[in-house]
Amino acid sequence: MPELPTMMNPPIEDLLDRVDSKFTLVTLAARRGRQINTYFNSLGDGLGSVVPPQVASLARKPLSIALEEVAAGKIGYARPDQGGEDGDGGGGAGADGPGLAGLAGLAGEAPTLLSDPEHPTAG
């Protein structure tokens, strides 16, 4: 079955293949979009503390650039440790894994960007 053209580029299906859930995609793209926005706002300051965009893009919006980076596989994420042995991860974790609040960044820790210069395993 041929793919129908969409207004979203890259297609949401391609983006969801790169992450484990919609919540992770939203958190990852939002965090990276903020980093890209900070990078563009700090140009000329000579700080160099934020990773520049990792893809050549015609898009002008930081979130669009972030989604293109996810689709290209240029950024990834790592889950934080879920806490103690008693099964309480602090973010509403249950037997099924982390709660939705922890994934969405509303409570607990959200996925960490691997392109983040402050992350010790940044690559």
PDB file of N, CA and C in Angstrom:
ATOM      1  N   MET A   1       0.841  -1.177   0.000  1.00  0.00           N
ATOM      2  CA  MET A   1       0.000   0.000   0.000  1.00  0.00           C
ATOM      3  C   MET A   1       0.887   1.242   0.000  1.00  0.00           C
ATOM      4  N   PRO A   2       0.730   2.143  -0.959  1.00  0.00           N
ATOM      5  CA  PRO A   2       1.573   3.338  -1.023  1.00  0.00           C
ATOM      6  C   PRO A   2       1.252   4.309   0.119  1.00  0.00           C
ATOM      7  N   GLU A   3       2.310   5.007   0.540  1.00  0.00           N
ATOM      8  CA  GLU A   3       2.123   6.000   1.594  1.00  0.00           C
ATOM      9  C   GLU A   3       1.460   7.238   1.020  1.00  0.00           C
ATOM     10  N   LEU A   4       0.509   7.765   1.754  1.00  0.00           N
ATOM     11  CA  LEU A   4      -0.146   9.004   1.353  1.00  0.00           C
ATOM     12  C   LEU A   4       0.690  10.183   1.818  1.00  0.00           C
ATOM     13  N   PRO A   5       0.759  11.239   1.034  1.00  0.00           N
ATOM     14  CA  PRO A   5       1.528  12.405   1.467  1.00  0.00           C
ATOM     15  C   PRO A   5       0.874  13.063   2.683  1.00  0.00           C
ATOM     16  N   THR A   6       1.712  13.517   3.582  1.00  0.00           N
ATOM     17  CA  THR A   6       1.213  14.184   4.782  1.00  0.00           C
ATOM     18  C   THR A   6       1.863  15.553   4.892  1.00  0.00           C
ATOM     19  N   MET A   7       1.304  16.374   5.753  1.00  0.00           N
ATOM     20  CA  MET A   7       1.887  17.688   5.994  1.00  0.00           C
ATOM     21  C   MET A   7       3.070  17.576   6.953  1.00  0.00           C
ATOM     22  N   MET A   8       3.132  16.493   7.689  1.00  0.00           N
ATOM     23  CA  MET A   8       4.184  16.300   8.678  1.00  0.00           C
ATOM     24  C   MET A   8       5.401  15.664   8.019  1.00  0.00           C
ATOM     25  N   ASN A   9       6.519  16.331   8.084  1.00  0.00           N
ATOM     26  CA  ASN A   9       7.752  15.767   7.570  1.00  0.00           C
ATOM     27  C   ASN A   9       8.842  15.964   8.613  1.00  0.00           C
ATOM     28  N   PRO A  10       9.428  14.946   9.152  1.00  0.00           N
ATOM     29  CA  PRO A  10       9.294  13.525   8.841  1.00  0.00           C
ATOM     30  C   PRO A  10       7.975  12.954   9.357  1.00  0.00           C
ATOM     31  N   PRO A  11       7.486  11.898   8.713  1.00  0.00           N
ATOM     32  CA  PRO A  11       6.210  11.312   9.123  1.00  0.00           C
ATOM     33  C   PRO A  11       6.254  10.785  10.558  1.00  0.00           C
ATOM     34  N   ILE A  12       5.157  10.905  11.248  1.00  0.00           N
ATOM     35  CA  ILE A  12       5.078  10.499  12.653  1.00  0.00           C
ATOM     36  C   ILE A  12       5.383   9.015  12.807  1.00  0.00           C
ATOM     37  N   GLU A  13       5.049   8.201  11.808  1.00  0.00           N
ATOM     38  CA  GLU A  13       5.326   6.768  11.883  1.00  0.00           C
ATOM     39  C   GLU A  13       6.828   6.506  11.947  1.00  0.00           C
ATOM     40  N   ASP A  14       7.606   7.259  11.166  1.00  0.00           N
ATOM     41  CA  ASP A  14       9.059   7.107  11.192  1.00  0.00           C
ATOM     42  C   ASP A  14       9.635   7.526  12.540  1.00  0.00           C
ATOM     43  N   LEU A  15       9.080   8.584  13.114  1.00  0.00           N
ATOM     44  CA  LEU A  15       9.554   9.051  14.411  1.00  0.00           C
ATOM     45  C   LEU A  15       9.243   8.044  15.513  1.00  0.00           C
ATOM     46  N   LEU A  16       8.051   7.462  15.474  1.00  0.00           N
ATOM     47  CA  LEU A  16       7.663   6.498  16.505  1.00  0.00           C
ATOM     48  C   LEU A  16       8.473   5.210  16.419  1.00  0.00           C
ATOM     49  N   ASP A  17       9.043   4.914  15.249  1.00  0.00           N
ATOM     50  CA  ASP A  17       9.915   3.742  15.125  1.00  0.00           C
ATOM     51  C   ASP A  17      11.236   3.946  15.861  1.00  0.00           C
ATOM     52  N   ARG A  18      11.608   5.183  16.121  1.00  0.00           N
ATOM     53  CA  ARG A  18      12.884   5.511  16.772  1.00  0.00           C
ATOM     54  C   ARG A  18      12.797   5.543  18.299  1.00  0.00           C
ATOM     55  N   VAL A  19      11.582   5.631  18.856  1.00  0.00           N
ATOM     56  CA  VAL A  19      11.398   5.723  20.304  1.00  0.00           C
ATOM     57  C   VAL A  19      10.410   4.658  20.754  1.00  0.00           C
ATOM     58  N   ASP A  20      10.256   4.526  22.079  1.00  0.00           N
ATOM     59  CA  ASP A  20       9.379   3.478  22.597  1.00  0.00           C
ATOM     60  C   ASP A  20       7.951   3.933  22.846  1.00  0.00           C
ATOM     61  N   SER A  21       7.685   5.243  22.850  1.00  0.00           N
ATOM     62  CA  SER A  21       6.323   5.715  23.075  1.00  0.00           C
ATOM     63  C   SER A  21       6.168   7.155  22.578  1.00  0.00           C
ATOM     64  N   LYS A  22       4.931   7.573  22.451  1.00  0.00           N
ATOM     65  CA  LYS A  22       4.640   8.955  22.054  1.00  0.00           C
ATOM     66  C   LYS A  22       5.136   9.929  23.108  1.00  0.00           C
ATOM     67  N   PHE A  23       5.033   9.535  24.361  1.00  0.00           N
ATOM     68  CA  PHE A  23       5.456  10.406  25.455  1.00  0.00           C
ATOM     69  C   PHE A  23       6.967  10.652  25.393  1.00  0.00           C
ATOM     70  N   THR A  24       7.719   9.615  25.084  1.00  0.00           N
ATOM     71  CA  THR A  24       9.160   9.771  24.949  1.00  0.00           C
ATOM     72  C   THR A  24       9.494  10.688  23.783  1.00  0.00           C
ATOM     73  N   LEU A  25       8.787  10.531  22.675  1.00  0.00           N
ATOM     74  CA  LEU A  25       9.017  11.378  21.506  1.00  0.00           C
ATOM     75  C   LEU A  25       8.766  12.844  21.836  1.00  0.00           C
ATOM     76  N   VAL A  26       7.675  13.121  22.524  1.00  0.00           N
ATOM     77  CA  VAL A  26       7.340  14.506  22.883  1.00  0.00           C
ATOM     78  C   VAL A  26       8.406  15.088  23.803  1.00  0.00           C
ATOM     79  N   THR A  27       8.808  14.320  24.820  1.00  0.00           N
ATOM     80  CA  THR A  27       9.806  14.807  25.765  1.00  0.00           C
ATOM     81  C   THR A  27      11.153  15.017  25.089  1.00  0.00           C
ATOM     82  N   LEU A  28      11.556  14.051  24.283  1.00  0.00           N
ATOM     83  CA  LEU A  28      12.836  14.133  23.585  1.00  0.00           C
ATOM     84  C   LEU A  28      12.879  15.331  22.646  1.00  0.00           C
ATOM     85  N   ALA A  29      11.831  15.499  21.841  1.00  0.00           N
ATOM     86  CA  ALA A  29      11.796  16.607  20.885  1.00  0.00           C
ATOM     87  C   ALA A  29      11.709  17.959  21.601  1.00  0.00           C
ATOM     88  N   ALA A  30      10.950  18.029  22.682  1.00  0.00           N
ATOM     89  CA  ALA A  30      10.820  19.297  23.410  1.00  0.00           C
ATOM     90  C   ALA A  30      12.146  19.702  24.044  1.00  0.00           C
ATOM     91  N   ARG A  31      12.819  18.748  24.677  1.00  0.00           N
ATOM     92  CA  ARG A  31      14.104  19.070  25.301  1.00  0.00           C
ATOM     93  C   ARG A  31      15.137  19.488  24.258  1.00  0.00           C
ATOM     94  N   ARG A  32      15.207  18.740  23.173  1.00  0.00           N
ATOM     95  CA  ARG A  32      16.177  19.067  22.130  1.00  0.00           C
ATOM     96  C   ARG A  32      15.809  20.378  21.436  1.00  0.00           C
ATOM     97  N   GLY A  33      14.520  20.632  21.252  1.00  0.00           N
ATOM     98  CA  GLY A  33      14.091  21.905  20.680  1.00  0.00           C
ATOM     99  C   GLY A  33      14.518  23.082  21.534  1.00  0.00           C
ATOM    100  N   ARG A  34      14.417  22.931  22.843  1.00  0.00           N
ATOM    101  CA  ARG A  34      14.871  23.998  23.748  1.00  0.00           C
ATOM    102  C   ARG A  34      16.378  24.198  23.641  1.00  0.00           C
ATOM    103  N   GLN A  35      17.137  23.098  23.526  1.00  0.00           N
ATOM    104  CA  GLN A  35      18.585  23.219  23.369  1.00  0.00           C
ATOM    105  C   GLN A  35      18.937  23.945  22.073  1.00  0.00           C
ATOM    106  N   ILE A  36      18.250  23.598  20.998  1.00  0.00           N
ATOM    107  CA  ILE A  36      18.514  24.250  19.707  1.00  0.00           C
ATOM    108  C   ILE A  36      18.156  25.730  19.779  1.00  0.00           C
ATOM    109  N   ASN A  37      17.045  26.060  20.430  1.00  0.00           N
ATOM    110  CA  ASN A  37      16.653  27.454  20.601  1.00  0.00           C
ATOM    111  C   ASN A  37      17.707  28.210  21.406  1.00  0.00           C
ATOM    112  N   THR A  38      18.217  27.608  22.453  1.00  0.00           N
ATOM    113  CA  THR A  38      19.272  28.227  23.255  1.00  0.00           C
ATOM    114  C   THR A  38      20.530  28.433  22.413  1.00  0.00           C
ATOM    115  N   TYR A  39      20.849  27.439  21.593  1.00  0.00           N
ATOM    116  CA  TYR A  39      22.020  27.558  20.719  1.00  0.00           C
ATOM    117  C   TYR A  39      21.880  28.755  19.782  1.00  0.00           C
ATOM    118  N   PHE A  40      20.729  28.878  19.114  1.00  0.00           N
ATOM    119  CA  PHE A  40      20.525  29.987  18.184  1.00  0.00           C
ATOM    120  C   PHE A  40      20.525  31.328  18.901  1.00  0.00           C
ATOM    121  N   ASN A  41      19.995  31.375  20.116  1.00  0.00           N
ATOM    122  CA  ASN A  41      19.967  32.627  20.867  1.00  0.00           C
ATOM    123  C   ASN A  41      21.338  33.018  21.406  1.00  0.00           C
ATOM    124  N   SER A  42      22.244  32.046  21.567  1.00  0.00           N
ATOM    125  CA  SER A  42      23.560  32.356  22.127  1.00  0.00           C
ATOM    126  C   SER A  42      24.641  32.494  21.062  1.00  0.00           C
ATOM    127  N   LEU A  43      24.260  32.445  19.777  1.00  0.00           N
ATOM    128  CA  LEU A  43      25.257  32.644  18.725  1.00  0.00           C
ATOM    129  C   LEU A  43      25.868  34.030  18.859  1.00  0.00           C
ATOM    130  N   GLY A  44      27.163  34.092  18.724  1.00  0.00           N
ATOM    131  CA  GLY A  44      27.854  35.364  18.846  1.00  0.00           C
ATOM    132  C   GLY A  44      28.347  35.645  20.248  1.00  0.00           C
ATOM    133  N   ASP A  45      27.857  34.886  21.221  1.00  0.00           N
ATOM    134  CA  ASP A  45      28.308  35.086  22.598  1.00  0.00           C
ATOM    135  C   ASP A  45      29.613  34.354  22.881  1.00  0.00           C
ATOM    136  N   GLY A  46      29.960  33.391  22.042  1.00  0.00           N
ATOM    137  CA  GLY A  46      31.200  32.659  22.223  1.00  0.00           C
ATOM    138  C   GLY A  46      31.154  31.639  23.342  1.00  0.00           C
ATOM    139  N   LEU A  47      29.965  31.249  23.795  1.00  0.00           N
ATOM    140  CA  LEU A  47      29.873  30.330  24.927  1.00  0.00           C
ATOM    141  C   LEU A  47      30.156  28.897  24.508  1.00  0.00           C
ATOM    142  N   GLY A  48      29.526  28.416  23.459  1.00  0.00           N
ATOM    143  CA  GLY A  48      29.783  27.076  22.956  1.00  0.00           C
ATOM    144  C   GLY A  48      29.397  25.951  23.891  1.00  0.00           C
ATOM    145  N   SER A  49      28.440  26.164  24.784  1.00  0.00           N
ATOM    146  CA  SER A  49      28.074  25.125  25.741  1.00  0.00           C
ATOM    147  C   SER A  49      26.896  24.276  25.282  1.00  0.00           C
ATOM    148  N   VAL A  50      26.250  24.640  24.171  1.00  0.00           N
ATOM    149  CA  VAL A  50      25.093  23.905  23.682  1.00  0.00           C
ATOM    150  C   VAL A  50      25.448  23.267  22.348  1.00  0.00           C
ATOM    151  N   VAL A  51      25.036  22.011  22.178  1.00  0.00           N
ATOM    152  CA  VAL A  51      25.321  21.269  20.953  1.00  0.00           C
ATOM    153  C   VAL A  51      24.508  21.872  19.810  1.00  0.00           C
ATOM    154  N   PRO A  52      25.160  22.224  18.685  1.00  0.00           N
ATOM    155  CA  PRO A  52      24.422  22.788  17.541  1.00  0.00           C
ATOM    156  C   PRO A  52      23.551  21.735  16.872  1.00  0.00           C
ATOM    157  N   PRO A  53      22.667  22.139  15.977  1.00  0.00           N
ATOM    158  CA  PRO A  53      21.845  21.168  15.253  1.00  0.00           C
ATOM    159  C   PRO A  53      22.716  20.132  14.540  1.00  0.00           C
ATOM    160  N   GLN A  54      22.274  18.873  14.565  1.00  0.00           N
ATOM    161  CA  GLN A  54      23.056  17.768  14.028  1.00  0.00           C
ATOM    162  C   GLN A  54      22.656  17.379  12.607  1.00  0.00           C
ATOM    163  N   VAL A  55      21.676  18.069  12.030  1.00  0.00           N
ATOM    164  CA  VAL A  55      21.245  17.793  10.657  1.00  0.00           C
ATOM    165  C   VAL A  55      21.187  19.104   9.888  1.00  0.00           C
ATOM    166  N   ALA A  56      21.420  19.009   8.591  1.00  0.00           N
ATOM    167  CA  ALA A  56      21.227  20.169   7.724  1.00  0.00           C
ATOM    168  C   ALA A  56      19.734  20.236   7.417  1.00  0.00           C
ATOM    169  N   SER A  57      19.117  21.354   7.754  1.00  0.00           N
ATOM    170  CA  SER A  57      17.673  21.446   7.643  1.00  0.00           C
ATOM    171  C   SER A  57      17.264  22.769   7.016  1.00  0.00           C
ATOM    172  N   LEU A  58      16.191  22.726   6.269  1.00  0.00           N
ATOM    173  CA  LEU A  58      15.602  23.948   5.738  1.00  0.00           C
ATOM    174  C   LEU A  58      14.605  24.546   6.727  1.00  0.00           C
ATOM    175  N   ALA A  59      14.270  23.778   7.764  1.00  0.00           N
ATOM    176  CA  ALA A  59      13.303  24.244   8.762  1.00  0.00           C
ATOM    177  C   ALA A  59      13.902  25.374   9.587  1.00  0.00           C
ATOM    178  N   ARG A  60      13.037  26.283  10.003  1.00  0.00           N
ATOM    179  CA  ARG A  60      13.482  27.405  10.829  1.00  0.00           C
ATOM    180  C   ARG A  60      13.095  27.230  12.283  1.00  0.00           C
ATOM    181  N   LYS A  61      12.160  26.349  12.556  1.00  0.00           N
ATOM    182  CA  LYS A  61      11.664  26.161  13.921  1.00  0.00           C
ATOM    183  C   LYS A  61      12.509  25.117  14.655  1.00  0.00           C
ATOM    184  N   PRO A  62      12.912  25.410  15.894  1.00  0.00           N
ATOM    185  CA  PRO A  62      13.732  24.459  16.658  1.00  0.00           C
ATOM    186  C   PRO A  62      13.078  23.083  16.832  1.00  0.00           C
ATOM    187  N   LEU A  63      11.767  23.036  17.032  1.00  0.00           N
ATOM    188  CA  LEU A  63      11.104  21.750  17.208  1.00  0.00           C
ATOM    189  C   LEU A  63      11.140  20.929  15.923  1.00  0.00           C
ATOM    190  N   SER A  64      10.987  21.566  14.771  1.00  0.00           N
ATOM    191  CA  SER A  64      11.077  20.852  13.490  1.00  0.00           C
ATOM    192  C   SER A  64      12.469  20.277  13.290  1.00  0.00           C
ATOM    193  N   ILE A  65      13.486  21.048  13.648  1.00  0.00           N
ATOM    194  CA  ILE A  65      14.865  20.568  13.543  1.00  0.00           C
ATOM    195  C   ILE A  65      15.081  19.396  14.481  1.00  0.00           C
ATOM    196  N   ALA A  66      14.546  19.480  15.699  1.00  0.00           N
ATOM    197  CA  ALA A  66      14.679  18.393  16.672  1.00  0.00           C
ATOM    198  C   ALA A  66      14.024  17.115  16.159  1.00  0.00           C
ATOM    199  N   LEU A  67      12.847  17.222  15.567  1.00  0.00           N
ATOM    200  CA  LEU A  67      12.172  16.046  15.024  1.00  0.00           C
ATOM    201  C   LEU A  67      12.961  15.455  13.852  1.00  0.00           C
ATOM    202  N   GLU A  68      13.594  16.296  13.041  1.00  0.00           N
ATOM    203  CA  GLU A  68      14.432  15.792  11.953  1.00  0.00           C
ATOM    204  C   GLU A  68      15.647  15.056  12.507  1.00  0.00           C
ATOM    205  N   GLU A  69      16.196  15.539  13.624  1.00  0.00           N
ATOM    206  CA  GLU A  69      17.316  14.851  14.260  1.00  0.00           C
ATOM    207  C   GLU A  69      16.895  13.482  14.792  1.00  0.00           C
ATOM    208  N   VAL A  70      15.707  13.396  15.372  1.00  0.00           N
ATOM    209  CA  VAL A  70      15.201  12.103  15.851  1.00  0.00           C
ATOM    210  C   VAL A  70      15.043  11.145  14.678  1.00  0.00           C
ATOM    211  N   ALA A  71      14.449  11.616  13.589  1.00  0.00           N
ATOM    212  CA  ALA A  71      14.227  10.769  12.409  1.00  0.00           C
ATOM    213  C   ALA A  71      15.551  10.299  11.804  1.00  0.00           C
ATOM    214  N   ALA A  72      16.571  11.133  11.858  1.00  0.00           N
ATOM    215  CA  ALA A  72      17.879  10.778  11.299  1.00  0.00           C
ATOM    216  C   ALA A  72      18.690   9.910  12.252  1.00  0.00           C
ATOM    217  N   GLY A  73      18.224   9.725  13.473  1.00  0.00           N
ATOM    218  CA  GLY A  73      18.954   8.913  14.446  1.00  0.00           C
ATOM    219  C   GLY A  73      20.146   9.641  15.049  1.00  0.00           C
ATOM    220  N   LYS A  74      20.153  10.962  14.992  1.00  0.00           N
ATOM    221  CA  LYS A  74      21.280  11.747  15.502  1.00  0.00           C
ATOM    222  C   LYS A  74      21.217  11.961  17.006  1.00  0.00           C
ATOM    223  N   ILE A  75      20.035  11.864  17.587  1.00  0.00           N
ATOM    224  CA  ILE A  75      19.920  11.982  19.034  1.00  0.00           C
ATOM    225  C   ILE A  75      19.176  10.766  19.556  1.00  0.00           C
ATOM    226  N   GLY A  76      19.425  10.455  20.796  1.00  0.00           N
ATOM    227  CA  GLY A  76      18.779   9.318  21.431  1.00  0.00           C
ATOM    228  C   GLY A  76      18.427   9.681  22.860  1.00  0.00           C
ATOM    229  N   TYR A  77      18.082   8.695  23.634  1.00  0.00           N
ATOM    230  CA  TYR A  77      17.695   8.942  25.021  1.00  0.00           C
ATOM    231  C   TYR A  77      18.121   7.763  25.870  1.00  0.00           C
ATOM    232  N   ALA A  78      18.220   8.010  27.173  1.00  0.00           N
ATOM    233  CA  ALA A  78      18.531   6.964  28.152  1.00  0.00           C
ATOM    234  C   ALA A  78      17.568   7.127  29.316  1.00  0.00           C
ATOM    235  N   ARG A  79      17.000   6.048  29.759  1.00  0.00           N
ATOM    236  CA  ARG A  79      16.077   6.074  30.888  1.00  0.00           C
ATOM    237  C   ARG A  79      16.859   6.198  32.188  1.00  0.00           C
ATOM    238  N   PRO A  80      16.380   7.027  33.118  1.00  0.00           N
ATOM    239  CA  PRO A  80      17.016   7.087  34.435  1.00  0.00           C
ATOM    240  C   PRO A  80      16.708   5.808  35.206  1.00  0.00           C
ATOM    241  N   ASP A  81      17.546   5.504  36.188  1.00  0.00           N
ATOM    242  CA  ASP A  81      17.276   4.350  37.046  1.00  0.00           C
ATOM    243  C   ASP A  81      15.958   4.566  37.765  1.00  0.00           C
ATOM    244  N   GLN A  82      15.215   3.472  37.968  1.00  0.00           N
ATOM    245  CA  GLN A  82      13.871   3.579  38.522  1.00  0.00           C
ATOM    246  C   GLN A  82      13.823   3.567  40.038  1.00  0.00           C
ATOM    247  N   GLY A  83      14.951   3.591  40.722  1.00  0.00           N
ATOM    248  CA  GLY A  83      14.904   3.735  42.177  1.00  0.00           C
ATOM    249  C   GLY A  83      15.196   2.446  42.902  1.00  0.00           C
ATOM    250  N   GLY A  84      14.564   2.305  44.062  1.00  0.00           N
ATOM    251  CA  GLY A  84      14.845   1.229  45.004  1.00  0.00           C
ATOM    252  C   GLY A  84      14.342  -0.128  44.580  1.00  0.00           C
ATOM    253  N   GLU A  85      14.619  -1.107  45.445  1.00  0.00           N
ATOM    254  CA  GLU A  85      14.259  -2.493  45.196  1.00  0.00           C
ATOM    255  C   GLU A  85      12.794  -2.784  45.453  1.00  0.00           C
ATOM    256  N   ASP A  86      12.092  -1.886  46.157  1.00  0.00           N
ATOM    257  CA  ASP A  86      10.702  -2.167  46.528  1.00  0.00           C
ATOM    258  C   ASP A  86       9.723  -1.911  45.388  1.00  0.00           C
ATOM    259  N   GLY A  87      10.220  -1.530  44.203  1.00  0.00           N
ATOM    260  CA  GLY A  87       9.358  -1.344  43.050  1.00  0.00           C
ATOM    261  C   GLY A  87       8.810   0.058  42.931  1.00  0.00           C
ATOM    262  N   ASP A  88       9.065   0.921  43.909  1.00  0.00           N
ATOM    263  CA  ASP A  88       8.580   2.294  43.835  1.00  0.00           C
ATOM    264  C   ASP A  88       9.656   3.157  43.198  1.00  0.00           C
ATOM    265  N   GLY A  89       9.460   3.523  41.960  1.00  0.00           N
ATOM    266  CA  GLY A  89      10.438   4.322  41.242  1.00  0.00           C
ATOM    267  C   GLY A  89      10.282   5.807  41.484  1.00  0.00           C
ATOM    268  N   GLY A  90       9.320   6.218  42.276  1.00  0.00           N
ATOM    269  CA  GLY A  90       9.149   7.618  42.584  1.00  0.00           C
ATOM    270  C   GLY A  90       8.321   8.366  41.555  1.00  0.00           C
ATOM    271  N   GLY A  91       8.111   7.812  40.375  1.00  0.00           N
ATOM    272  CA  GLY A  91       7.357   8.502  39.347  1.00  0.00           C
ATOM    273  C   GLY A  91       6.077   7.775  38.999  1.00  0.00           C
ATOM    274  N   GLY A  92       5.503   7.071  39.943  1.00  0.00           N
ATOM    275  CA  GLY A  92       4.280   6.357  39.669  1.00  0.00           C
ATOM    276  C   GLY A  92       4.539   5.023  39.002  1.00  0.00           C
ATOM    277  N   ALA A  93       5.723   4.450  39.233  1.00  0.00           N
ATOM    278  CA  ALA A  93       6.063   3.185  38.587  1.00  0.00           C
ATOM    279  C   ALA A  93       5.294   2.052  39.231  1.00  0.00           C
ATOM    280  N   GLY A  94       4.867   1.153  38.405  1.00  0.00           N
ATOM    281  CA  GLY A  94       4.184  -0.032  38.883  1.00  0.00           C
ATOM    282  C   GLY A  94       4.837  -1.253  38.294  1.00  0.00           C
ATOM    283  N   ALA A  95       4.120  -2.346  38.250  1.00  0.00           N
ATOM    284  CA  ALA A  95       4.654  -3.589  37.717  1.00  0.00           C
ATOM    285  C   ALA A  95       4.904  -3.492  36.216  1.00  0.00           C
ATOM    286  N   ASP A  96       4.240  -2.575  35.522  1.00  0.00           N
ATOM    287  CA  ASP A  96       4.391  -2.442  34.078  1.00  0.00           C
ATOM    288  C   ASP A  96       5.565  -1.562  33.679  1.00  0.00           C
ATOM    289  N   GLY A  97       6.255  -0.947  34.618  1.00  0.00           N
ATOM    290  CA  GLY A  97       7.369  -0.065  34.273  1.00  0.00           C
ATOM    291  C   GLY A  97       7.071   1.342  34.748  1.00  0.00           C
ATOM    292  N   PRO A  98       7.744   2.331  34.143  1.00  0.00           N
ATOM    293  CA  PRO A  98       7.575   3.705  34.597  1.00  0.00           C
ATOM    294  C   PRO A  98       6.172   4.220  34.323  1.00  0.00           C
ATOM    295  N   GLY A  99       5.687   5.041  35.228  1.00  0.00           N
ATOM    296  CA  GLY A  99       4.370   5.639  35.054  1.00  0.00           C
ATOM    297  C   GLY A  99       4.393   6.702  33.973  1.00  0.00           C
ATOM    298  N   LEU A 100       3.227   7.060  33.492  1.00  0.00           N
ATOM    299  CA  LEU A 100       3.138   8.053  32.423  1.00  0.00           C
ATOM    300  C   LEU A 100       3.630   9.412  32.876  1.00  0.00           C
ATOM    301  N   ALA A 101       3.427   9.726  34.152  1.00  0.00           N
ATOM    302  CA  ALA A 101       3.868  11.023  34.640  1.00  0.00           C
ATOM    303  C   ALA A 101       5.386  11.142  34.555  1.00  0.00           C
ATOM    304  N   GLY A 102       6.107  10.060  34.845  1.00  0.00           N
ATOM    305  CA  GLY A 102       7.558  10.085  34.757  1.00  0.00           C
ATOM    306  C   GLY A 102       8.029  10.239  33.321  1.00  0.00           C
ATOM    307  N   LEU A 103       7.341   9.623  32.386  1.00  0.00           N
ATOM    308  CA  LEU A 103       7.731   9.727  30.981  1.00  0.00           C
ATOM    309  C   LEU A 103       7.465  11.113  30.436  1.00  0.00           C
ATOM    310  N   ALA A 104       6.378  11.710  30.837  1.00  0.00           N
ATOM    311  CA  ALA A 104       6.004  13.004  30.298  1.00  0.00           C
ATOM    312  C   ALA A 104       6.728  14.149  30.978  1.00  0.00           C
ATOM    313  N   GLY A 105       7.495  13.847  32.041  1.00  0.00           N
ATOM    314  CA  GLY A 105       8.237  14.890  32.721  1.00  0.00           C
ATOM    315  C   GLY A 105       7.392  15.681  33.698  1.00  0.00           C
ATOM    316  N   LEU A 106       6.197  15.191  34.040  1.00  0.00           N
ATOM    317  CA  LEU A 106       5.349  15.901  34.979  1.00  0.00           C
ATOM    318  C   LEU A 106       5.743  15.606  36.411  1.00  0.00           C
ATOM    319  N   ALA A 107       6.247  14.421  36.662  1.00  0.00           N
ATOM    320  CA  ALA A 107       6.742  14.034  37.981  1.00  0.00           C
ATOM    321  C   ALA A 107       7.876  13.058  37.755  1.00  0.00           C
ATOM    322  N   GLY A 108       8.870  13.094  38.590  1.00  0.00           N
ATOM    323  CA  GLY A 108       9.997  12.199  38.396  1.00  0.00           C
ATOM    324  C   GLY A 108      10.897  12.723  37.287  1.00  0.00           C
ATOM    325  N   GLU A 109      11.754  11.845  36.782  1.00  0.00           N
ATOM    326  CA  GLU A 109      12.689  12.248  35.736  1.00  0.00           C
ATOM    327  C   GLU A 109      12.251  11.743  34.381  1.00  0.00           C
ATOM    328  N   ALA A 110      12.442  12.556  33.390  1.00  0.00           N
ATOM    329  CA  ALA A 110      12.123  12.195  32.011  1.00  0.00           C
ATOM    330  C   ALA A 110      13.366  11.595  31.366  1.00  0.00           C
ATOM    331  N   PRO A 111      13.241  11.023  30.175  1.00  0.00           N
ATOM    332  CA  PRO A 111      14.413  10.485  29.490  1.00  0.00           C
ATOM    333  C   PRO A 111      15.470  11.555  29.287  1.00  0.00           C
ATOM    334  N   THR A 112      16.728  11.165  29.374  1.00  0.00           N
ATOM    335  CA  THR A 112      17.852  12.070  29.211  1.00  0.00           C
ATOM    336  C   THR A 112      18.331  12.031  27.774  1.00  0.00           C
ATOM    337  N   LEU A 113      18.570  13.202  27.198  1.00  0.00           N
ATOM    338  CA  LEU A 113      19.129  13.277  25.849  1.00  0.00           C
ATOM    339  C   LEU A 113      20.558  12.770  25.865  1.00  0.00           C
ATOM    340  N   LEU A 114      20.936  11.973  24.889  1.00  0.00           N
ATOM    341  CA  LEU A 114      22.302  11.499  24.814  1.00  0.00           C
ATOM    342  C   LEU A 114      23.220  12.515  24.166  1.00  0.00           C
ATOM    343  N   SER A 115      22.682  13.502  23.480  1.00  0.00           N
ATOM    344  CA  SER A 115      23.527  14.532  22.882  1.00  0.00           C
ATOM    345  C   SER A 115      23.758  15.688  23.856  1.00  0.00           C
ATOM    346  N   ASP A 116      23.229  15.559  25.070  1.00  0.00           N
ATOM    347  CA  ASP A 116      23.366  16.593  26.093  1.00  0.00           C
ATOM    348  C   ASP A 116      24.800  16.638  26.592  1.00  0.00           C
ATOM    349  N   PRO A 117      25.503  17.782  26.488  1.00  0.00           N
ATOM    350  CA  PRO A 117      26.906  17.857  26.917  1.00  0.00           C
ATOM    351  C   PRO A 117      27.080  17.639  28.413  1.00  0.00           C
ATOM    352  N   GLU A 118      26.044  17.823  29.208  1.00  0.00           N
ATOM    353  CA  GLU A 118      26.158  17.626  30.653  1.00  0.00           C
ATOM    354  C   GLU A 118      25.969  16.175  31.044  1.00  0.00           C
ATOM    355  N   HIS A 119      25.483  15.331  30.123  1.00  0.00           N
ATOM    356  CA  HIS A 119      25.261  13.917  30.414  1.00  0.00           C
ATOM    357  C   HIS A 119      26.592  13.182  30.307  1.00  0.00           C
ATOM    358  N   PRO A 120      26.988  12.399  31.317  1.00  0.00           N
ATOM    359  CA  PRO A 120      28.303  11.767  31.307  1.00  0.00           C
ATOM    360  C   PRO A 120      28.513  10.758  30.177  1.00  0.00           C
ATOM    361  N   THR A 121      27.435  10.212  29.604  1.00  0.00           N
ATOM    362  CA  THR A 121      27.594   9.232  28.528  1.00  0.00           C
ATOM    363  C   THR A 121      27.269   9.852  27.175  1.00  0.00           C
ATOM    364  N   ALA A 122      27.370  11.187  27.077  1.00  0.00           N
ATOM    365  CA  ALA A 122      27.035  11.855  25.810  1.00  0.00           C
ATOM    366  C   ALA A 122      27.935  11.336  24.715  1.00  0.00           C
ATOM    367  N   GLY A 123      27.317  11.124  23.532  1.00  0.00           N
ATOM    368  CA  GLY A 123      28.125  10.574  22.437  1.00  0.00           C
ATOM    369  C   GLY A 123      28.000  11.343  21.180  1.00  0.00           C
TER     370      GLY A 123
END
